[in-house]
Amino acid sequence: MNIHNIEPQISRLSRAEKAELLQRLAQEVGNAWAGIEKTTGVSGGEACIVRTRIPVWTLENYRRLGWTEVAVLENFPSLRAADLVNAWAYADAHGEEMDKAIQTNGEA
C-alpha cells in the first residue's frame, strides 16, 4: 500500500477524523528518531547510533562528565557530528531512560 492509494479515503474524512488520524500518526512517528535505532540483541536493545553499536547513553554519560564534542568524536572515530546532534536530541527527550541506563551500566 502506498500513500496515493489512501489519499481519496483521507479526503473523505471529517475534520475531527483527520485530527484523530494525525494524532495517531504523530504518536507512531514520534517513536522514531533520526539516526537512532533500537535493535533486539544489539547492546541490550538500547538506543544506539545507526551504523554502530554505540549506545546513546554512553555518549550522554561522557557529555555529563564534561567531555566536549571534539573529545567524543576523537574517541569514537566512526561517529560524525550529525550523530552527536541526533544523540543529544534523543538523550534530552529521554532523560529517565538515560539516567537508568547510566546507573545500570555503571554498576555492571
C-alpha atoms as a PDB file:
ATOM      1  CA  MET A   1       0.000   0.000   0.000  1.00  0.00           C
ATOM      2  CA  ASN A   2       1.238   3.487  -0.721  1.00  0.00           C
ATOM      3  CA  ILE A   3       0.044   6.955   0.229  1.00  0.00           C
ATOM      4  CA  HIS A   4      -1.579   7.587  -3.140  1.00  0.00           C
ATOM      5  CA  ASN A   5      -3.950   4.668  -2.579  1.00  0.00           C
ATOM      6  CA  ILE A   6      -5.281   6.103   0.677  1.00  0.00           C
ATOM      7  CA  GLU A   7      -5.458   9.791  -0.291  1.00  0.00           C
ATOM      8  CA  PRO A   8      -9.082   9.504  -1.537  1.00  0.00           C
ATOM      9  CA  GLN A   9     -10.111   7.924   1.761  1.00  0.00           C
ATOM     10  CA  ILE A  10      -8.369  10.648   3.749  1.00  0.00           C
ATOM     11  CA  SER A  11     -10.082  13.390   1.749  1.00  0.00           C
ATOM     12  CA  ARG A  12     -13.480  11.923   2.708  1.00  0.00           C
ATOM     13  CA  LEU A  13     -12.751  12.104   6.444  1.00  0.00           C
ATOM     14  CA  SER A  14     -14.297  14.823   8.590  1.00  0.00           C
ATOM     15  CA  ARG A  15     -12.030  17.411  10.215  1.00  0.00           C
ATOM     16  CA  ALA A  16     -12.358  15.572  13.532  1.00  0.00           C
ATOM     17  CA  GLU A  17     -11.443  12.247  11.939  1.00  0.00           C
ATOM     18  CA  LYS A  18      -8.445  13.846  10.212  1.00  0.00           C
ATOM     19  CA  ALA A  19      -7.335  15.286  13.545  1.00  0.00           C
ATOM     20  CA  GLU A  20      -7.602  11.835  15.148  1.00  0.00           C
ATOM     21  CA  LEU A  21      -5.643  10.285  12.279  1.00  0.00           C
ATOM     22  CA  LEU A  22      -2.981  12.955  12.618  1.00  0.00           C
ATOM     23  CA  GLN A  23      -2.683  12.302  16.361  1.00  0.00           C
ATOM     24  CA  ARG A  24      -2.273   8.570  15.780  1.00  0.00           C
ATOM     25  CA  LEU A  25       0.352   9.132  13.098  1.00  0.00           C
ATOM     26  CA  ALA A  26       2.228  11.610  15.285  1.00  0.00           C
ATOM     27  CA  GLN A  27       2.347   9.072  18.121  1.00  0.00           C
ATOM     28  CA  GLU A  28       3.705   6.397  15.815  1.00  0.00           C
ATOM     29  CA  VAL A  29       6.242   8.663  14.134  1.00  0.00           C
ATOM     30  CA  GLY A  30       7.160  10.185  17.493  1.00  0.00           C
ATOM     31  CA  ASN A  31       8.765   6.908  18.473  1.00  0.00           C
ATOM     32  CA  ALA A  32      11.219   7.186  15.576  1.00  0.00           C
ATOM     33  CA  TRP A  33      14.400   9.205  15.969  1.00  0.00           C
ATOM     34  CA  ALA A  34      16.653  10.199  13.105  1.00  0.00           C
ATOM     35  CA  GLY A  35      19.967   8.429  13.360  1.00  0.00           C
ATOM     36  CA  ILE A  36      18.969   6.372  16.395  1.00  0.00           C
ATOM     37  CA  GLU A  37      17.793   2.771  16.425  1.00  0.00           C
ATOM     38  CA  LYS A  38      16.949   0.078  18.932  1.00  0.00           C
ATOM     39  CA  THR A  39      17.717  -3.444  17.756  1.00  0.00           C
ATOM     40  CA  THR A  40      16.984  -6.544  19.810  1.00  0.00           C
ATOM     41  CA  GLY A  41      20.240  -8.302  20.580  1.00  0.00           C
ATOM     42  CA  VAL A  42      22.436  -5.257  19.913  1.00  0.00           C
ATOM     43  CA  SER A  43      23.760  -3.517  23.026  1.00  0.00           C
ATOM     44  CA  GLY A  44      20.952  -4.976  25.083  1.00  0.00           C
ATOM     45  CA  GLY A  45      18.314  -3.348  22.898  1.00  0.00           C
ATOM     46  CA  GLU A  46      19.461   0.111  23.993  1.00  0.00           C
ATOM     47  CA  ALA A  47      19.111   3.115  21.681  1.00  0.00           C
ATOM     48  CA  CYS A  48      22.259   3.198  19.521  1.00  0.00           C
ATOM     49  CA  ILE A  49      23.707   5.385  16.822  1.00  0.00           C
ATOM     50  CA  VAL A  50      22.818   3.876  13.435  1.00  0.00           C
ATOM     51  CA  ARG A  51      25.680   2.058  11.682  1.00  0.00           C
ATOM     52  CA  THR A  52      27.263   1.409  15.087  1.00  0.00           C
ATOM     53  CA  ARG A  53      26.798  -0.437  18.334  1.00  0.00           C
ATOM     54  CA  ILE A  54      27.418   2.726  20.338  1.00  0.00           C
ATOM     55  CA  PRO A  55      24.611   3.289  22.837  1.00  0.00           C
ATOM     56  CA  VAL A  56      23.286   6.810  23.209  1.00  0.00           C
ATOM     57  CA  TRP A  57      23.580   6.508  26.999  1.00  0.00           C
ATOM     58  CA  THR A  58      27.352   6.029  26.639  1.00  0.00           C
ATOM     59  CA  LEU A  59      27.682   9.289  24.752  1.00  0.00           C
ATOM     60  CA  GLU A  60      25.326  11.044  27.164  1.00  0.00           C
ATOM     61  CA  ASN A  61      27.397   9.799  30.085  1.00  0.00           C
ATOM     62  CA  TYR A  62      30.539  11.292  28.570  1.00  0.00           C
ATOM     63  CA  ARG A  63      28.696  14.555  27.948  1.00  0.00           C
ATOM     64  CA  ARG A  64      27.630  14.623  31.616  1.00  0.00           C
ATOM     65  CA  LEU A  65      31.244  14.003  32.604  1.00  0.00           C
ATOM     66  CA  GLY A  66      32.220  17.153  30.724  1.00  0.00           C
ATOM     67  CA  TRP A  67      33.605  15.726  27.500  1.00  0.00           C
ATOM     68  CA  THR A  68      33.468  18.133  24.589  1.00  0.00           C
ATOM     69  CA  GLU A  69      32.011  17.049  21.291  1.00  0.00           C
ATOM     70  CA  VAL A  70      35.529  17.167  19.865  1.00  0.00           C
ATOM     71  CA  ALA A  71      36.710  14.712  22.539  1.00  0.00           C
ATOM     72  CA  VAL A  72      33.789  12.377  21.836  1.00  0.00           C
ATOM     73  CA  LEU A  73      34.443  12.438  18.087  1.00  0.00           C
ATOM     74  CA  GLU A  74      38.176  11.845  18.610  1.00  0.00           C
ATOM     75  CA  ASN A  75      37.489   8.834  20.837  1.00  0.00           C
ATOM     76  CA  PHE A  76      34.752   7.410  18.617  1.00  0.00           C
ATOM     77  CA  PRO A  77      36.165   7.776  15.083  1.00  0.00           C
ATOM     78  CA  SER A  78      33.165   6.064  13.489  1.00  0.00           C
ATOM     79  CA  LEU A  79      30.910   8.902  14.657  1.00  0.00           C
ATOM     80  CA  ARG A  80      30.080  12.061  12.746  1.00  0.00           C
ATOM     81  CA  ALA A  81      28.994  15.410  14.120  1.00  0.00           C
ATOM     82  CA  ALA A  82      25.442  14.720  12.920  1.00  0.00           C
ATOM     83  CA  ASP A  83      25.418  11.570  15.051  1.00  0.00           C
ATOM     84  CA  LEU A  84      26.017  13.676  18.140  1.00  0.00           C
ATOM     85  CA  VAL A  85      23.214  16.063  17.206  1.00  0.00           C
ATOM     86  CA  ASN A  86      20.881  13.062  16.980  1.00  0.00           C
ATOM     87  CA  ALA A  87      22.232  11.550  20.205  1.00  0.00           C
ATOM     88  CA  TRP A  88      21.781  14.775  22.180  1.00  0.00           C
ATOM     89  CA  ALA A  89      18.235  15.249  20.883  1.00  0.00           C
ATOM     90  CA  TYR A  90      17.354  11.672  21.850  1.00  0.00           C
ATOM     91  CA  ALA A  91      19.060  11.930  25.249  1.00  0.00           C
ATOM     92  CA  ASP A  92      17.356  15.246  26.035  1.00  0.00           C
ATOM     93  CA  ALA A  93      13.952  13.775  25.198  1.00  0.00           C
ATOM     94  CA  HIS A  94      14.584  10.550  27.154  1.00  0.00           C
ATOM     95  CA  GLY A  95      16.224  11.733  30.365  1.00  0.00           C
ATOM     96  CA  GLU A  96      14.829   8.989  32.574  1.00  0.00           C
ATOM     97  CA  GLU A  97      15.925   6.307  30.115  1.00  0.00           C
ATOM     98  CA  MET A  98      19.432   7.806  30.064  1.00  0.00           C
ATOM     99  CA  ASP A  99      19.598   8.057  33.872  1.00  0.00           C
ATOM    100  CA  LYS A 100      18.544   4.439  34.274  1.00  0.00           C
ATOM    101  CA  ALA A 101      20.942   3.103  31.616  1.00  0.00           C
ATOM    102  CA  ILE A 102      23.875   5.072  33.014  1.00  0.00           C
ATOM    103  CA  GLN A 103      23.120   3.884  36.528  1.00  0.00           C
ATOM    104  CA  THR A 104      22.566   0.251  35.489  1.00  0.00           C
ATOM    105  CA  ASN A 105      25.673   0.070  33.320  1.00  0.00           C
ATOM    106  CA  GLY A 106      27.782   1.969  35.831  1.00  0.00           C
ATOM    107  CA  GLU A 107      27.047  -0.752  38.364  1.00  0.00           C
ATOM    108  CA  ALA A 108      27.881  -3.586  35.961  1.00  0.00           C
END
